[in-house]
Amino acid sequence: MNPNEMYEYVERIANLIRTRVRKAGLANGVQPVQMEALHYLSRCNRYSNTPVAVAEFLGLTKGTVSQTLGVLEDNGLVEKTTDSRDRRVVHLHLTPSGTQVLEQSIPPDVLKSAISALPAKEQRQLEESIQRLLLCLQRANGLKTFGPCRTCVHHQLTGDAQRRCGLTREILTESDASKICREHIPSD
């Protein structure tokens, strides 16, 4: 495989998708970085819905993220709540308006259409290959993986079929287990 060609393909695909998402976001009054923050918050679990985690995931400064989240909150797309255990920690949640903007924008229809044009077997192979490529890139960069909880070394199934985080020792819901976490360490 030629890394130069792979870069060209991935970069072009990302730009085509990003252009559609930006247009949809701007039609709803949401700037691209704000759309990225909304998208992250829609997929992260309760351990990862903090301003610091948003900054880590997006690779932006705390100041930039603080401004971004402030605009989202002012526009009624995100709400903040204080952590019940540690009053210094703030959690971010999408409002119904934030969810609606996101659902209208991500994934863009052009991506849905392109994927559905592929045979089911190719869709599965493509998804698996892209997942592996992403994991390899994250490891090579030494970045946090932000993967789904259920694929983490900390994810445990107890004898009574409950899910538990081995790091926090807390019980996890099915929803928690399916969302991305900033503490994720791949279990492979």
C-alpha atoms as a PDB file:
ATOM      1  CA  MET A   1       0.000   0.000   0.000  1.00  0.00           C
ATOM      2  CA  ASN A   2       1.292   3.420  -0.942  1.00  0.00           C
ATOM      3  CA  PRO A   3       1.026   5.835   2.030  1.00  0.00           C
ATOM      4  CA  ASN A   4       0.944   8.849  -0.324  1.00  0.00           C
ATOM      5  CA  GLU A   5      -2.064   7.481  -2.187  1.00  0.00           C
ATOM      6  CA  MET A   6      -3.763   6.449   1.060  1.00  0.00           C
ATOM      7  CA  TYR A   7      -3.298   9.962   2.411  1.00  0.00           C
ATOM      8  CA  GLU A   8      -4.836  11.443  -0.741  1.00  0.00           C
ATOM      9  CA  TYR A   9      -7.884   9.141  -0.500  1.00  0.00           C
ATOM     10  CA  VAL A  10      -8.463   9.685   3.203  1.00  0.00           C
ATOM     11  CA  GLU A  11      -7.880  13.421   2.989  1.00  0.00           C
ATOM     12  CA  ARG A  12     -10.307  13.802   0.071  1.00  0.00           C
ATOM     13  CA  ILE A  13     -12.980  11.650   1.714  1.00  0.00           C
ATOM     14  CA  ALA A  14     -12.645  13.659   4.943  1.00  0.00           C
ATOM     15  CA  ASN A  15     -12.930  16.962   3.075  1.00  0.00           C
ATOM     16  CA  LEU A  16     -16.029  15.850   1.168  1.00  0.00           C
ATOM     17  CA  ILE A  17     -17.721  14.748   4.386  1.00  0.00           C
ATOM     18  CA  ARG A  18     -16.557  17.800   6.342  1.00  0.00           C
ATOM     19  CA  THR A  19     -17.888  20.165   3.654  1.00  0.00           C
ATOM     20  CA  ARG A  20     -21.383  18.680   3.936  1.00  0.00           C
ATOM     21  CA  VAL A  21     -21.318  18.740   7.727  1.00  0.00           C
ATOM     22  CA  ARG A  22     -20.125  22.366   7.740  1.00  0.00           C
ATOM     23  CA  LYS A  23     -22.897  23.436   5.357  1.00  0.00           C
ATOM     24  CA  ALA A  24     -25.531  21.717   7.468  1.00  0.00           C
ATOM     25  CA  GLY A  25     -24.114  23.211  10.662  1.00  0.00           C
ATOM     26  CA  LEU A  26     -23.895  26.714   9.239  1.00  0.00           C
ATOM     27  CA  ALA A  27     -27.503  26.417   8.029  1.00  0.00           C
ATOM     28  CA  ASN A  28     -28.348  25.918  11.733  1.00  0.00           C
ATOM     29  CA  GLY A  29     -26.061  28.740  12.905  1.00  0.00           C
ATOM     30  CA  VAL A  30     -23.377  26.354  14.204  1.00  0.00           C
ATOM     31  CA  GLN A  31     -19.707  26.849  13.347  1.00  0.00           C
ATOM     32  CA  PRO A  32     -17.566  23.824  12.372  1.00  0.00           C
ATOM     33  CA  VAL A  33     -15.689  23.580  15.690  1.00  0.00           C
ATOM     34  CA  GLN A  34     -18.995  23.835  17.544  1.00  0.00           C
ATOM     35  CA  MET A  35     -20.394  21.012  15.414  1.00  0.00           C
ATOM     36  CA  GLU A  36     -17.361  18.873  16.285  1.00  0.00           C
ATOM     37  CA  ALA A  37     -17.925  19.532  19.991  1.00  0.00           C
ATOM     38  CA  LEU A  38     -21.627  18.654  19.696  1.00  0.00           C
ATOM     39  CA  HIS A  39     -20.782  15.462  17.848  1.00  0.00           C
ATOM     40  CA  TYR A  40     -18.253  14.427  20.497  1.00  0.00           C
ATOM     41  CA  LEU A  41     -20.685  15.155  23.326  1.00  0.00           C
ATOM     42  CA  SER A  42     -23.357  13.042  21.641  1.00  0.00           C
ATOM     43  CA  ARG A  43     -21.036  10.006  21.677  1.00  0.00           C
ATOM     44  CA  CYS A  44     -19.134  10.243  24.951  1.00  0.00           C
ATOM     45  CA  ASN A  45     -19.968   8.629  28.273  1.00  0.00           C
ATOM     46  CA  ARG A  46     -20.430  10.234  31.674  1.00  0.00           C
ATOM     47  CA  TYR A  47     -16.683  10.093  32.411  1.00  0.00           C
ATOM     48  CA  SER A  48     -15.851  11.978  29.240  1.00  0.00           C
ATOM     49  CA  ASN A  49     -18.397  14.793  28.951  1.00  0.00           C
ATOM     50  CA  THR A  50     -16.208  17.474  30.528  1.00  0.00           C
ATOM     51  CA  PRO A  51     -14.577  20.515  28.939  1.00  0.00           C
ATOM     52  CA  VAL A  52     -11.122  18.960  29.432  1.00  0.00           C
ATOM     53  CA  ALA A  53     -12.164  15.789  27.614  1.00  0.00           C
ATOM     54  CA  VAL A  54     -13.643  17.832  24.748  1.00  0.00           C
ATOM     55  CA  ALA A  55     -10.320  19.687  24.431  1.00  0.00           C
ATOM     56  CA  GLU A  56      -8.344  16.422  24.467  1.00  0.00           C
ATOM     57  CA  PHE A  57     -10.596  14.780  21.893  1.00  0.00           C
ATOM     58  CA  LEU A  58     -10.574  17.749  19.501  1.00  0.00           C
ATOM     59  CA  GLY A  59      -6.880  18.499  20.078  1.00  0.00           C
ATOM     60  CA  LEU A  60      -7.639  22.134  20.938  1.00  0.00           C
ATOM     61  CA  THR A  61      -6.628  24.447  23.756  1.00  0.00           C
ATOM     62  CA  LYS A  62      -8.782  24.739  26.850  1.00  0.00           C
ATOM     63  CA  GLY A  63      -9.405  28.392  26.032  1.00  0.00           C
ATOM     64  CA  THR A  64     -10.689  27.664  22.536  1.00  0.00           C
ATOM     65  CA  VAL A  65     -12.915  24.895  23.837  1.00  0.00           C
ATOM     66  CA  SER A  66     -14.189  27.098  26.671  1.00  0.00           C
ATOM     67  CA  GLN A  67     -15.262  29.748  24.155  1.00  0.00           C
ATOM     68  CA  THR A  68     -16.821  27.118  21.893  1.00  0.00           C
ATOM     69  CA  LEU A  69     -18.785  25.553  24.732  1.00  0.00           C
ATOM     70  CA  GLY A  70     -19.872  28.985  25.957  1.00  0.00           C
ATOM     71  CA  VAL A  71     -21.405  29.775  22.574  1.00  0.00           C
ATOM     72  CA  LEU A  72     -23.126  26.383  22.464  1.00  0.00           C
ATOM     73  CA  GLU A  73     -24.530  26.957  25.935  1.00  0.00           C
ATOM     74  CA  ASP A  74     -25.645  30.523  25.084  1.00  0.00           C
ATOM     75  CA  ASN A  75     -27.412  29.173  21.987  1.00  0.00           C
ATOM     76  CA  GLY A  76     -29.242  26.528  24.012  1.00  0.00           C
ATOM     77  CA  LEU A  77     -27.498  23.569  22.382  1.00  0.00           C
ATOM     78  CA  VAL A  78     -25.548  22.397  25.455  1.00  0.00           C
ATOM     79  CA  GLU A  79     -26.231  22.587  29.173  1.00  0.00           C
ATOM     80  CA  LYS A  80     -23.775  22.287  32.026  1.00  0.00           C
ATOM     81  CA  THR A  81     -24.316  20.400  35.257  1.00  0.00           C
ATOM     82  CA  THR A  82     -22.064  20.185  38.284  1.00  0.00           C
ATOM     83  CA  ASP A  83     -20.768  16.758  39.260  1.00  0.00           C
ATOM     84  CA  SER A  84     -22.585  15.408  42.308  1.00  0.00           C
ATOM     85  CA  ARG A  85     -19.355  14.030  43.827  1.00  0.00           C
ATOM     86  CA  ASP A  86     -16.894  16.770  42.933  1.00  0.00           C
ATOM     87  CA  ARG A  87     -18.386  20.254  42.648  1.00  0.00           C
ATOM     88  CA  ARG A  88     -15.303  21.421  40.698  1.00  0.00           C
ATOM     89  CA  VAL A  89     -16.180  19.140  37.760  1.00  0.00           C
ATOM     90  CA  VAL A  90     -18.651  20.263  35.110  1.00  0.00           C
ATOM     91  CA  HIS A  91     -20.502  17.823  32.842  1.00  0.00           C
ATOM     92  CA  LEU A  92     -21.887  18.823  29.465  1.00  0.00           C
ATOM     93  CA  HIS A  93     -25.090  17.480  27.944  1.00  0.00           C
ATOM     94  CA  LEU A  94     -26.796  18.120  24.643  1.00  0.00           C
ATOM     95  CA  THR A  95     -30.152  19.816  24.867  1.00  0.00           C
ATOM     96  CA  PRO A  96     -32.994  18.636  22.619  1.00  0.00           C
ATOM     97  CA  SER A  97     -32.090  21.525  20.275  1.00  0.00           C
ATOM     98  CA  GLY A  98     -28.454  20.405  20.198  1.00  0.00           C
ATOM     99  CA  THR A  99     -29.511  16.855  19.422  1.00  0.00           C
ATOM    100  CA  GLN A 100     -31.772  18.070  16.628  1.00  0.00           C
ATOM    101  CA  VAL A 101     -29.005  20.138  14.988  1.00  0.00           C
ATOM    102  CA  LEU A 102     -26.671  17.181  15.166  1.00  0.00           C
ATOM    103  CA  GLU A 103     -29.188  14.706  13.760  1.00  0.00           C
ATOM    104  CA  GLN A 104     -29.785  17.038  10.793  1.00  0.00           C
ATOM    105  CA  SER A 105     -26.061  17.234  10.079  1.00  0.00           C
ATOM    106  CA  ILE A 106     -24.177  14.045  11.015  1.00  0.00           C
ATOM    107  CA  PRO A 107     -23.703  11.759   9.232  1.00  0.00           C
ATOM    108  CA  PRO A 108     -24.343  13.717   6.040  1.00  0.00           C
ATOM    109  CA  ASP A 109     -26.721  12.196   3.511  1.00  0.00           C
ATOM    110  CA  VAL A 110     -23.946  12.017   0.925  1.00  0.00           C
ATOM    111  CA  LEU A 111     -22.000   9.601   3.156  1.00  0.00           C
ATOM    112  CA  LYS A 112     -25.073   7.487   3.874  1.00  0.00           C
ATOM    113  CA  SER A 113     -25.738   7.272   0.140  1.00  0.00           C
ATOM    114  CA  ALA A 114     -22.152   6.367  -0.744  1.00  0.00           C
ATOM    115  CA  ILE A 115     -21.971   3.642   1.897  1.00  0.00           C
ATOM    116  CA  SER A 116     -25.316   2.158   0.908  1.00  0.00           C
ATOM    117  CA  ALA A 117     -24.047   1.879  -2.682  1.00  0.00           C
ATOM    118  CA  LEU A 118     -21.450  -0.658  -1.509  1.00  0.00           C
ATOM    119  CA  PRO A 119     -22.351  -4.341  -1.105  1.00  0.00           C
ATOM    120  CA  ALA A 120     -22.899  -5.366   2.538  1.00  0.00           C
ATOM    121  CA  LYS A 121     -19.712  -7.446   2.632  1.00  0.00           C
ATOM    122  CA  GLU A 122     -17.611  -4.516   1.403  1.00  0.00           C
ATOM    123  CA  GLN A 123     -19.284  -2.233   3.963  1.00  0.00           C
ATOM    124  CA  ARG A 124     -18.235  -4.548   6.804  1.00  0.00           C
ATOM    125  CA  GLN A 125     -14.697  -4.956   5.446  1.00  0.00           C
ATOM    126  CA  LEU A 126     -14.310  -1.206   4.992  1.00  0.00           C
ATOM    127  CA  GLU A 127     -15.547  -0.488   8.508  1.00  0.00           C
ATOM    128  CA  GLU A 128     -13.189  -3.057  10.046  1.00  0.00           C
ATOM    129  CA  SER A 129     -10.212  -1.753   8.037  1.00  0.00           C
ATOM    130  CA  ILE A 130     -10.894   1.860   8.951  1.00  0.00           C
ATOM    131  CA  GLN A 131     -11.262   0.944  12.631  1.00  0.00           C
ATOM    132  CA  ARG A 132      -7.888  -0.831  12.583  1.00  0.00           C
ATOM    133  CA  LEU A 133      -6.246   2.058  10.738  1.00  0.00           C
ATOM    134  CA  LEU A 134      -7.584   4.537  13.289  1.00  0.00           C
ATOM    135  CA  LEU A 135      -6.306   2.453  16.202  1.00  0.00           C
ATOM    136  CA  CYS A 136      -2.863   2.153  14.593  1.00  0.00           C
ATOM    137  CA  LEU A 137      -2.721   5.913  14.021  1.00  0.00           C
ATOM    138  CA  GLN A 138      -3.739   6.647  17.601  1.00  0.00           C
ATOM    139  CA  ARG A 139      -1.091   4.302  18.951  1.00  0.00           C
ATOM    140  CA  ALA A 140       1.598   5.708  16.630  1.00  0.00           C
ATOM    141  CA  ASN A 141       0.745   9.231  17.803  1.00  0.00           C
ATOM    142  CA  GLY A 142       0.580   8.232  21.454  1.00  0.00           C
ATOM    143  CA  LEU A 143      -2.907   9.713  21.686  1.00  0.00           C
ATOM    144  CA  LYS A 144      -5.808   8.601  23.801  1.00  0.00           C
ATOM    145  CA  THR A 145      -7.979   6.226  21.837  1.00  0.00           C
ATOM    146  CA  PHE A 146     -11.403   7.507  22.985  1.00  0.00           C
ATOM    147  CA  GLY A 147     -12.895   4.123  22.098  1.00  0.00           C
ATOM    148  CA  PRO A 148     -16.187   2.515  23.101  1.00  0.00           C
ATOM    149  CA  CYS A 149     -16.222   1.474  26.754  1.00  0.00           C
ATOM    150  CA  ARG A 150     -17.072  -2.160  25.972  1.00  0.00           C
ATOM    151  CA  THR A 151     -13.781  -2.519  24.033  1.00  0.00           C
ATOM    152  CA  CYS A 152     -11.618  -1.279  26.922  1.00  0.00           C
ATOM    153  CA  VAL A 153      -9.383  -3.294  29.246  1.00  0.00           C
ATOM    154  CA  HIS A 154     -11.261  -1.714  32.170  1.00  0.00           C
ATOM    155  CA  HIS A 155     -14.669  -2.965  30.989  1.00  0.00           C
ATOM    156  CA  GLN A 156     -15.799  -5.920  33.082  1.00  0.00           C
ATOM    157  CA  LEU A 157     -18.808  -8.209  33.021  1.00  0.00           C
ATOM    158  CA  THR A 158     -19.652  -9.399  36.512  1.00  0.00           C
ATOM    159  CA  GLY A 159     -21.080 -12.813  37.403  1.00  0.00           C
ATOM    160  CA  ASP A 160     -24.579 -11.345  37.599  1.00  0.00           C
ATOM    161  CA  ALA A 161     -24.251  -9.967  34.022  1.00  0.00           C
ATOM    162  CA  GLN A 162     -23.677  -6.400  35.170  1.00  0.00           C
ATOM    163  CA  ARG A 163     -21.151  -4.175  33.489  1.00  0.00           C
ATOM    164  CA  ARG A 164     -18.555  -2.449  35.639  1.00  0.00           C
ATOM    165  CA  CYS A 165     -15.668  -0.083  34.996  1.00  0.00           C
ATOM    166  CA  GLY A 166     -12.551  -1.653  36.492  1.00  0.00           C
ATOM    167  CA  LEU A 167     -10.991   1.791  36.769  1.00  0.00           C
ATOM    168  CA  THR A 168     -13.780   3.579  38.681  1.00  0.00           C
ATOM    169  CA  ARG A 169     -15.422   0.397  40.076  1.00  0.00           C
ATOM    170  CA  GLU A 170     -18.807   1.849  39.101  1.00  0.00           C
ATOM    171  CA  ILE A 171     -21.689  -0.057  37.517  1.00  0.00           C
ATOM    172  CA  LEU A 172     -22.130   0.778  33.837  1.00  0.00           C
ATOM    173  CA  THR A 173     -25.329   0.950  31.883  1.00  0.00           C
ATOM    174  CA  GLU A 174     -25.633  -0.505  28.389  1.00  0.00           C
ATOM    175  CA  SER A 175     -25.547   3.083  27.147  1.00  0.00           C
ATOM    176  CA  ASP A 176     -22.305   3.765  29.056  1.00  0.00           C
ATOM    177  CA  ALA A 177     -20.725   0.668  27.541  1.00  0.00           C
ATOM    178  CA  SER A 178     -21.545   1.723  23.987  1.00  0.00           C
ATOM    179  CA  LYS A 179     -20.223   5.290  24.263  1.00  0.00           C
ATOM    180  CA  ILE A 180     -16.667   6.532  23.899  1.00  0.00           C
ATOM    181  CA  CYS A 181     -14.508   7.187  26.942  1.00  0.00           C
ATOM    182  CA  ARG A 182     -11.399   9.294  27.443  1.00  0.00           C
ATOM    183  CA  GLU A 183      -9.925   6.626  29.742  1.00  0.00           C
ATOM    184  CA  HIS A 184     -10.208   3.942  27.034  1.00  0.00           C
ATOM    185  CA  ILE A 185      -7.364   1.479  26.622  1.00  0.00           C
ATOM    186  CA  PRO A 186      -7.934  -1.055  23.821  1.00  0.00           C
ATOM    187  CA  SER A 187      -8.419  -4.587  25.107  1.00  0.00           C
ATOM    188  CA  ASP A 188      -6.750  -6.338  22.167  1.00  0.00           C
END
